[in-house]
Amino acid sequence: MNEYMVWLIIGIAICLLVFIGVPLLGKIIREKDFRDQVSGKKPERKAPSGFRTGEPAEESVEIQSIKEASRLKSMQNLFGPK
């Protein structure tokens, strides 16, 4: 085996280690954190009082009608002219 082949094998091994090891390490850390919170070793993390949870804001009638009109137009393209 020449030197190029050795470096290629080492590079592939490092890539595999990164692509498999990083998600696995993240999963292990999340599981340990969850177990610590459930057992009471670590206090439960809570969002601040003013934190928005991502709930959709109330839409005006105009925005709803524009969305509905664009949805109907896209359905015409999908199902053909009416």
N, C-alpha and C. Protein backbone atom coordinates (compact mmCIF):
# COMPACT_ATOMS: atom_id res chain seq x y z
N MET A 1 0.83 -1.18 0.00
CA MET A 1 0.00 0.00 0.00
C MET A 1 0.87 1.24 0.00
N ASN A 2 0.53 2.15 -0.85
CA ASN A 2 1.33 3.37 -0.88
C ASN A 2 0.79 4.39 0.12
N GLU A 3 1.49 5.47 0.23
CA GLU A 3 1.16 6.48 1.23
C GLU A 3 -0.20 7.14 0.94
N TYR A 4 -0.54 7.32 -0.33
CA TYR A 4 -1.82 7.92 -0.71
C TYR A 4 -2.98 7.09 -0.20
N MET A 5 -2.87 5.79 -0.33
CA MET A 5 -3.95 4.90 0.10
C MET A 5 -4.13 4.94 1.62
N VAL A 6 -3.03 5.03 2.35
CA VAL A 6 -3.10 5.11 3.81
C VAL A 6 -3.82 6.39 4.22
N TRP A 7 -3.47 7.53 3.60
CA TRP A 7 -4.13 8.79 3.93
C TRP A 7 -5.60 8.77 3.55
N LEU A 8 -5.94 8.10 2.47
CA LEU A 8 -7.34 7.98 2.05
C LEU A 8 -8.14 7.18 3.09
N ILE A 9 -7.59 6.08 3.55
CA ILE A 9 -8.27 5.26 4.56
C ILE A 9 -8.42 6.04 5.87
N ILE A 10 -7.38 6.78 6.25
CA ILE A 10 -7.45 7.57 7.47
C ILE A 10 -8.52 8.66 7.33
N GLY A 11 -8.59 9.31 6.17
CA GLY A 11 -9.59 10.34 5.93
C GLY A 11 -11.01 9.80 5.98
N ILE A 12 -11.21 8.64 5.36
CA ILE A 12 -12.54 8.02 5.39
C ILE A 12 -12.92 7.62 6.80
N ALA A 13 -11.97 7.11 7.56
CA ALA A 13 -12.23 6.71 8.95
C ALA A 13 -12.60 7.94 9.79
N ILE A 14 -11.92 9.05 9.58
CA ILE A 14 -12.23 10.26 10.34
C ILE A 14 -13.61 10.77 9.98
N CYS A 15 -13.95 10.75 8.68
CA CYS A 15 -15.29 11.20 8.26
C CYS A 15 -16.37 10.33 8.88
N LEU A 16 -16.18 9.03 8.87
CA LEU A 16 -17.17 8.14 9.48
C LEU A 16 -17.30 8.38 10.97
N LEU A 17 -16.18 8.59 11.61
CA LEU A 17 -16.19 8.85 13.04
C LEU A 17 -16.95 10.14 13.34
N VAL A 18 -16.75 11.17 12.54
CA VAL A 18 -17.44 12.44 12.76
C VAL A 18 -18.93 12.29 12.50
N PHE A 19 -19.30 11.66 11.36
CA PHE A 19 -20.71 11.56 11.00
C PHE A 19 -21.49 10.63 11.91
N ILE A 20 -20.84 9.68 12.52
CA ILE A 20 -21.52 8.76 13.43
C ILE A 20 -21.34 9.19 14.87
N GLY A 21 -20.16 9.68 15.21
CA GLY A 21 -19.84 10.00 16.60
C GLY A 21 -20.52 11.23 17.13
N VAL A 22 -20.62 12.28 16.33
CA VAL A 22 -21.20 13.54 16.81
C VAL A 22 -22.68 13.37 17.15
N PRO A 23 -23.51 12.80 16.26
CA PRO A 23 -24.92 12.61 16.66
C PRO A 23 -25.08 11.66 17.84
N LEU A 24 -24.25 10.63 17.89
CA LEU A 24 -24.32 9.69 19.00
C LEU A 24 -23.96 10.37 20.31
N LEU A 25 -22.93 11.21 20.29
CA LEU A 25 -22.54 11.94 21.50
C LEU A 25 -23.64 12.90 21.93
N GLY A 26 -24.28 13.57 20.97
CA GLY A 26 -25.39 14.46 21.30
C GLY A 26 -26.55 13.72 21.93
N LYS A 27 -26.85 12.54 21.40
CA LYS A 27 -27.95 11.74 21.95
C LYS A 27 -27.63 11.30 23.38
N ILE A 28 -26.41 10.90 23.62
CA ILE A 28 -26.01 10.46 24.96
C ILE A 28 -26.12 11.61 25.95
N ILE A 29 -25.68 12.81 25.54
CA ILE A 29 -25.75 13.97 26.43
C ILE A 29 -27.20 14.33 26.73
N ARG A 30 -28.08 14.31 25.70
CA ARG A 30 -29.50 14.62 25.92
C ARG A 30 -30.16 13.62 26.86
N GLU A 31 -29.84 12.33 26.68
CA GLU A 31 -30.43 11.30 27.54
C GLU A 31 -29.98 11.47 28.99
N LYS A 32 -28.69 11.77 29.19
CA LYS A 32 -28.18 11.97 30.55
C LYS A 32 -28.83 13.19 31.19
N ASP A 33 -28.98 14.27 30.42
CA ASP A 33 -29.63 15.46 30.93
C ASP A 33 -31.08 15.18 31.31
N PHE A 34 -31.78 14.41 30.48
CA PHE A 34 -33.17 14.05 30.78
C PHE A 34 -33.25 13.23 32.05
N ARG A 35 -32.38 12.22 32.17
CA ARG A 35 -32.40 11.38 33.37
C ARG A 35 -32.10 12.19 34.62
N ASP A 36 -31.16 13.14 34.53
CA ASP A 36 -30.84 13.98 35.68
C ASP A 36 -32.01 14.86 36.08
N GLN A 37 -32.74 15.38 35.10
CA GLN A 37 -33.90 16.22 35.41
C GLN A 37 -35.02 15.39 36.02
N VAL A 38 -35.27 14.18 35.48
CA VAL A 38 -36.35 13.35 35.99
C VAL A 38 -36.05 12.86 37.40
N SER A 39 -34.79 12.53 37.66
CA SER A 39 -34.44 12.02 38.99
C SER A 39 -34.34 13.12 40.03
N GLY A 40 -34.26 14.38 39.60
CA GLY A 40 -34.20 15.49 40.53
C GLY A 40 -32.80 15.98 40.80
N LYS A 41 -31.80 15.42 40.15
CA LYS A 41 -30.43 15.88 40.36
C LYS A 41 -30.21 17.26 39.77
N LYS A 42 -30.95 17.57 38.72
CA LYS A 42 -30.81 18.85 38.04
C LYS A 42 -32.20 19.49 37.98
N PRO A 43 -32.30 20.78 38.30
CA PRO A 43 -33.63 21.41 38.26
C PRO A 43 -34.15 21.50 36.82
N GLU A 44 -35.47 21.45 36.70
CA GLU A 44 -36.09 21.52 35.38
C GLU A 44 -35.89 22.92 34.81
N ARG A 45 -35.51 22.97 33.53
CA ARG A 45 -35.34 24.27 32.88
C ARG A 45 -36.70 24.77 32.42
N LYS A 46 -36.95 26.04 32.68
CA LYS A 46 -38.22 26.64 32.29
C LYS A 46 -37.94 27.90 31.49
N ALA A 47 -38.86 28.22 30.61
CA ALA A 47 -38.73 29.42 29.79
C ALA A 47 -39.05 30.65 30.64
N PRO A 48 -38.45 31.78 30.32
CA PRO A 48 -38.78 33.02 31.05
C PRO A 48 -40.25 33.38 30.84
N SER A 49 -40.76 34.24 31.71
CA SER A 49 -42.19 34.54 31.69
C SER A 49 -42.62 35.22 30.39
N GLY A 50 -41.77 36.03 29.77
CA GLY A 50 -42.16 36.75 28.55
C GLY A 50 -41.80 35.98 27.28
N PHE A 51 -41.42 34.73 27.38
CA PHE A 51 -40.97 33.95 26.23
C PHE A 51 -42.14 33.55 25.35
N ARG A 52 -42.01 33.79 24.04
CA ARG A 52 -43.07 33.41 23.11
C ARG A 52 -42.84 31.96 22.68
N THR A 53 -43.88 31.18 22.68
CA THR A 53 -43.76 29.75 22.40
C THR A 53 -43.89 29.41 20.93
N GLY A 54 -44.10 30.38 20.07
CA GLY A 54 -44.22 30.10 18.65
C GLY A 54 -45.65 29.85 18.22
N GLU A 55 -46.60 30.17 19.07
CA GLU A 55 -47.99 30.02 18.69
C GLU A 55 -48.30 31.06 17.62
N PRO A 56 -49.06 30.69 16.61
CA PRO A 56 -49.32 31.65 15.53
C PRO A 56 -50.14 32.84 16.03
N ALA A 57 -49.78 34.00 15.53
CA ALA A 57 -50.51 35.21 15.90
C ALA A 57 -51.86 35.23 15.19
N GLU A 58 -52.78 35.97 15.73
CA GLU A 58 -54.10 36.09 15.13
C GLU A 58 -53.97 36.81 13.80
N GLU A 59 -54.52 36.22 12.74
CA GLU A 59 -54.41 36.82 11.41
C GLU A 59 -55.64 37.65 11.11
N SER A 60 -55.41 38.70 10.35
CA SER A 60 -56.54 39.54 9.96
C SER A 60 -57.33 38.85 8.85
N VAL A 61 -58.51 39.37 8.59
CA VAL A 61 -59.38 38.79 7.57
C VAL A 61 -58.74 38.94 6.19
N GLU A 62 -58.04 40.05 5.97
CA GLU A 62 -57.39 40.27 4.67
C GLU A 62 -56.32 39.22 4.41
N ILE A 63 -55.50 38.94 5.39
CA ILE A 63 -54.44 37.95 5.22
C ILE A 63 -55.04 36.57 4.99
N GLN A 64 -56.10 36.24 5.71
CA GLN A 64 -56.75 34.94 5.51
C GLN A 64 -57.32 34.83 4.10
N SER A 65 -57.92 35.90 3.58
CA SER A 65 -58.49 35.84 2.23
C SER A 65 -57.41 35.73 1.18
N ILE A 66 -56.28 36.40 1.36
CA ILE A 66 -55.17 36.30 0.41
C ILE A 66 -54.62 34.89 0.40
N LYS A 67 -54.45 34.29 1.57
CA LYS A 67 -53.94 32.92 1.65
C LYS A 67 -54.91 31.94 0.98
N GLU A 68 -56.20 32.12 1.22
CA GLU A 68 -57.19 31.23 0.63
C GLU A 68 -57.22 31.37 -0.89
N ALA A 69 -57.10 32.61 -1.39
CA ALA A 69 -57.10 32.82 -2.84
C ALA A 69 -55.89 32.17 -3.48
N SER A 70 -54.74 32.31 -2.86
CA SER A 70 -53.54 31.68 -3.44
C SER A 70 -53.63 30.15 -3.36
N ARG A 71 -54.25 29.64 -2.31
CA ARG A 71 -54.42 28.19 -2.21
C ARG A 71 -55.35 27.68 -3.31
N LEU A 72 -56.43 28.41 -3.57
CA LEU A 72 -57.35 28.00 -4.62
C LEU A 72 -56.69 28.05 -5.99
N LYS A 73 -55.88 29.08 -6.24
CA LYS A 73 -55.18 29.18 -7.52
C LYS A 73 -54.20 28.02 -7.70
N SER A 74 -53.52 27.65 -6.63
CA SER A 74 -52.57 26.54 -6.74
C SER A 74 -53.30 25.22 -6.95
N MET A 75 -54.51 25.09 -6.41
CA MET A 75 -55.29 23.88 -6.64
C MET A 75 -55.75 23.80 -8.09
N GLN A 76 -56.02 24.96 -8.72
CA GLN A 76 -56.40 24.95 -10.13
C GLN A 76 -55.26 24.42 -10.98
N ASN A 77 -54.04 24.77 -10.64
CA ASN A 77 -52.90 24.27 -11.39
C ASN A 77 -52.74 22.76 -11.20
N LEU A 78 -53.09 22.29 -10.01
CA LEU A 78 -52.93 20.88 -9.71
C LEU A 78 -54.02 20.05 -10.36
N PHE A 79 -55.26 20.50 -10.30
CA PHE A 79 -56.39 19.71 -10.79
C PHE A 79 -56.90 20.16 -12.16
N GLY A 80 -56.29 21.17 -12.75
CA GLY A 80 -56.73 21.65 -14.05
C GLY A 80 -57.74 22.78 -13.91
N PRO A 81 -58.07 23.43 -15.03
CA PRO A 81 -59.00 24.57 -14.96
C PRO A 81 -60.41 24.10 -14.61
N LYS A 82 -61.14 25.01 -14.00
CA LYS A 82 -62.51 24.67 -13.58
C LYS A 82 -63.51 25.37 -14.43
